[in-house]
C-alpha cells in the first residue's frame, strides 16, 4: 500500500505544483430578444416553488398516515 501511495503522490505532485490554466467563458451580453412580462415571471416562480415545495408539503400533510403501521 505505501508503494501505491508513493506512486500516486509522485505523479500527482508535479501536476499540483504547476500553475493552473484559467479558462475564460465566452459570454456575450446583448438585450433580450423578447421581454418577459410580469405574468410570465409570476408563473415561472410559482412553478419552481411548486416543484420544490410541493413534494415536501405533501409528505408533511400526510405524516400521520405514514406513521401508521398496518
N, C-alpha and C. Protein backbone atom coordinates (compact mmCIF):
# COMPACT_ATOMS: atom_id res chain seq x y z
N UNK A 1 0.81 -1.20 0.00
CA UNK A 1 0.00 0.00 0.00
C UNK A 1 0.85 1.27 0.00
N UNK A 2 1.95 1.33 0.81
CA UNK A 2 2.78 2.54 0.76
C UNK A 2 3.39 2.76 -0.62
N UNK A 3 3.71 1.68 -1.34
CA UNK A 3 4.26 1.84 -2.69
C UNK A 3 3.24 2.45 -3.63
N UNK A 4 1.98 2.03 -3.48
CA UNK A 4 0.91 2.60 -4.30
C UNK A 4 0.73 4.09 -4.03
N UNK A 5 0.73 4.46 -2.74
CA UNK A 5 0.58 5.87 -2.38
C UNK A 5 1.76 6.70 -2.87
N UNK A 6 2.96 6.13 -2.80
CA UNK A 6 4.15 6.84 -3.28
C UNK A 6 4.05 7.07 -4.77
N UNK A 7 3.55 6.08 -5.52
CA UNK A 7 3.40 6.21 -6.97
C UNK A 7 2.37 7.28 -7.31
N UNK A 8 1.26 7.27 -6.62
CA UNK A 8 0.21 8.28 -6.86
C UNK A 8 0.73 9.66 -6.52
N UNK A 9 1.42 9.78 -5.39
CA UNK A 9 1.92 11.08 -4.96
C UNK A 9 2.98 11.60 -5.92
N UNK A 10 3.84 10.72 -6.44
CA UNK A 10 4.89 11.18 -7.36
C UNK A 10 4.31 11.64 -8.69
N UNK A 11 3.18 11.08 -9.08
CA UNK A 11 2.56 11.52 -10.33
C UNK A 11 1.66 12.73 -10.14
N UNK A 12 1.06 12.86 -8.98
CA UNK A 12 0.14 13.96 -8.75
C UNK A 12 0.86 15.23 -8.34
N UNK A 13 2.01 15.11 -7.66
CA UNK A 13 2.71 16.28 -7.13
C UNK A 13 3.11 17.27 -8.23
N UNK A 14 3.72 16.86 -9.34
CA UNK A 14 4.06 17.85 -10.37
C UNK A 14 2.83 18.56 -10.95
N UNK A 15 1.75 17.82 -11.09
CA UNK A 15 0.54 18.43 -11.63
C UNK A 15 -0.04 19.46 -10.66
N UNK A 16 0.11 19.20 -9.36
CA UNK A 16 -0.41 20.14 -8.38
C UNK A 16 0.47 21.37 -8.22
N UNK A 17 1.75 21.23 -8.54
CA UNK A 17 2.67 22.36 -8.39
C UNK A 17 2.58 23.34 -9.56
N UNK A 18 2.16 22.89 -10.71
CA UNK A 18 2.10 23.75 -11.89
C UNK A 18 1.01 24.78 -11.72
N UNK A 19 1.18 25.87 -12.42
CA UNK A 19 0.16 26.91 -12.40
C UNK A 19 -1.06 26.43 -13.16
N UNK A 20 -2.19 26.68 -12.59
CA UNK A 20 -3.40 26.23 -13.27
C UNK A 20 -3.74 27.16 -14.42
N UNK A 21 -4.28 26.61 -15.45
CA UNK A 21 -4.67 27.38 -16.62
C UNK A 21 -6.06 27.91 -16.36
N UNK A 22 -6.20 29.21 -16.44
CA UNK A 22 -7.52 29.79 -16.22
C UNK A 22 -8.25 29.88 -17.55
N UNK A 23 -9.47 29.39 -17.55
CA UNK A 23 -10.28 29.43 -18.75
C UNK A 23 -11.29 30.54 -18.61
N UNK A 24 -11.50 31.22 -19.67
CA UNK A 24 -12.48 32.29 -19.66
C UNK A 24 -13.70 31.87 -20.46
N UNK A 25 -14.83 32.10 -19.89
CA UNK A 25 -16.06 31.77 -20.61
C UNK A 25 -16.33 32.85 -21.64
N UNK A 26 -16.79 32.44 -22.79
CA UNK A 26 -17.11 33.41 -23.83
C UNK A 26 -18.60 33.74 -23.72
N UNK A 27 -18.89 34.70 -22.88
CA UNK A 27 -20.27 35.13 -22.65
C UNK A 27 -20.45 36.51 -23.27
N UNK A 28 -21.42 36.60 -24.13
CA UNK A 28 -21.70 37.87 -24.77
C UNK A 28 -23.03 38.38 -24.26
N UNK A 29 -23.05 39.63 -23.87
CA UNK A 29 -24.28 40.21 -23.35
C UNK A 29 -24.92 41.08 -24.43
N UNK A 30 -26.19 40.89 -24.59
CA UNK A 30 -26.99 41.69 -25.51
C UNK A 30 -28.38 41.86 -24.90
N UNK A 31 -29.13 42.76 -25.43
CA UNK A 31 -30.51 42.87 -24.97
C UNK A 31 -31.28 41.60 -25.33
N UNK A 32 -32.26 41.22 -24.53
CA UNK A 32 -33.02 40.00 -24.83
C UNK A 32 -33.83 40.15 -26.12
N UNK A 33 -34.06 39.03 -26.78
CA UNK A 33 -34.86 39.06 -28.00
C UNK A 33 -36.31 39.38 -27.68
N UNK A 34 -36.83 38.79 -26.62
CA UNK A 34 -38.20 39.04 -26.19
C UNK A 34 -38.20 39.38 -24.70
N UNK A 35 -38.96 40.36 -24.33
CA UNK A 35 -39.04 40.72 -22.92
C UNK A 35 -40.01 39.80 -22.20
N UNK A 36 -39.69 39.45 -20.97
CA UNK A 36 -40.55 38.60 -20.17
C UNK A 36 -41.41 39.50 -19.30
N UNK A 37 -42.71 39.31 -19.37
CA UNK A 37 -43.64 40.14 -18.64
C UNK A 37 -43.82 39.68 -17.20
N UNK A 38 -44.54 40.47 -16.41
CA UNK A 38 -44.76 40.12 -15.01
C UNK A 38 -45.61 38.87 -14.82
N UNK A 39 -46.54 38.60 -15.73
CA UNK A 39 -47.37 37.40 -15.62
C UNK A 39 -46.52 36.16 -15.85
N UNK A 40 -45.68 36.19 -16.88
CA UNK A 40 -44.80 35.05 -17.14
C UNK A 40 -43.82 34.83 -16.00
N UNK A 41 -43.33 35.91 -15.40
CA UNK A 41 -42.42 35.81 -14.26
C UNK A 41 -43.13 35.17 -13.07
N UNK A 42 -44.35 35.58 -12.80
CA UNK A 42 -45.11 35.02 -11.68
C UNK A 42 -45.40 33.53 -11.91
N UNK A 43 -45.74 33.16 -13.14
CA UNK A 43 -46.00 31.75 -13.45
C UNK A 43 -44.72 30.93 -13.27
N UNK A 44 -43.59 31.44 -13.73
CA UNK A 44 -42.33 30.74 -13.58
C UNK A 44 -41.93 30.55 -12.14
N UNK A 45 -42.05 31.59 -11.33
CA UNK A 45 -41.72 31.49 -9.90
C UNK A 45 -42.68 30.54 -9.21
N UNK A 46 -43.96 30.59 -9.58
CA UNK A 46 -44.95 29.67 -9.00
C UNK A 46 -44.65 28.22 -9.31
N UNK A 47 -44.26 27.94 -10.55
CA UNK A 47 -43.96 26.57 -10.94
C UNK A 47 -42.72 26.05 -10.23
N UNK A 48 -41.68 26.88 -10.12
CA UNK A 48 -40.49 26.47 -9.39
C UNK A 48 -40.81 26.22 -7.93
N UNK A 49 -41.61 27.09 -7.32
CA UNK A 49 -41.98 26.90 -5.92
C UNK A 49 -42.77 25.61 -5.73
N UNK A 50 -43.69 25.35 -6.63
CA UNK A 50 -44.48 24.12 -6.55
C UNK A 50 -43.60 22.88 -6.72
N UNK A 51 -42.65 22.95 -7.64
CA UNK A 51 -41.77 21.81 -7.88
C UNK A 51 -40.86 21.53 -6.69
N UNK A 52 -40.44 22.58 -6.00
CA UNK A 52 -39.53 22.40 -4.87
C UNK A 52 -40.28 22.13 -3.58
N UNK A 53 -41.32 22.88 -3.30
CA UNK A 53 -42.03 22.77 -2.03
C UNK A 53 -43.19 21.79 -2.05
N UNK A 54 -43.69 21.43 -3.22
CA UNK A 54 -44.84 20.53 -3.33
C UNK A 54 -44.63 19.17 -2.71
N UNK A 55 -43.58 18.45 -3.09
CA UNK A 55 -43.37 17.12 -2.51
C UNK A 55 -43.18 17.14 -0.99
N UNK A 56 -42.41 18.09 -0.49
CA UNK A 56 -42.21 18.15 0.96
C UNK A 56 -43.50 18.53 1.67
N UNK A 57 -44.30 19.39 1.08
CA UNK A 57 -45.59 19.73 1.67
C UNK A 57 -46.53 18.54 1.70
N UNK A 58 -46.51 17.73 0.65
CA UNK A 58 -47.34 16.52 0.60
C UNK A 58 -46.95 15.56 1.72
N UNK A 59 -45.66 15.36 1.89
CA UNK A 59 -45.19 14.46 2.93
C UNK A 59 -45.58 14.97 4.31
N UNK A 60 -45.40 16.26 4.55
CA UNK A 60 -45.75 16.82 5.85
C UNK A 60 -47.25 16.77 6.10
N UNK A 61 -48.06 16.94 5.06
CA UNK A 61 -49.51 16.89 5.22
C UNK A 61 -50.00 15.47 5.52
N UNK A 62 -49.30 14.47 5.03
CA UNK A 62 -49.70 13.08 5.22
C UNK A 62 -48.79 12.34 6.20
N UNK A 63 -48.15 13.06 7.08
CA UNK A 63 -47.20 12.46 8.01
C UNK A 63 -47.85 11.44 8.94
N UNK A 64 -49.05 11.72 9.38
CA UNK A 64 -49.75 10.78 10.28
C UNK A 64 -50.08 9.48 9.56
N UNK A 65 -50.39 9.56 8.27
CA UNK A 65 -50.67 8.35 7.50
C UNK A 65 -49.41 7.49 7.38
N UNK A 66 -48.27 8.13 7.25
CA UNK A 66 -47.02 7.39 7.12
C UNK A 66 -46.60 6.75 8.44
N UNK A 67 -47.02 7.31 9.57
CA UNK A 67 -46.67 6.78 10.87
C UNK A 67 -47.43 5.50 11.21
N UNK A 68 -48.60 5.32 10.59
CA UNK A 68 -49.42 4.15 10.87
C UNK A 68 -48.73 2.89 10.35
N UNK A 69 -48.76 1.84 11.15
CA UNK A 69 -48.25 0.56 10.70
C UNK A 69 -49.44 -0.38 10.56
N UNK A 70 -49.71 -0.75 9.36
CA UNK A 70 -50.88 -1.61 9.11
C UNK A 70 -50.51 -3.05 8.98
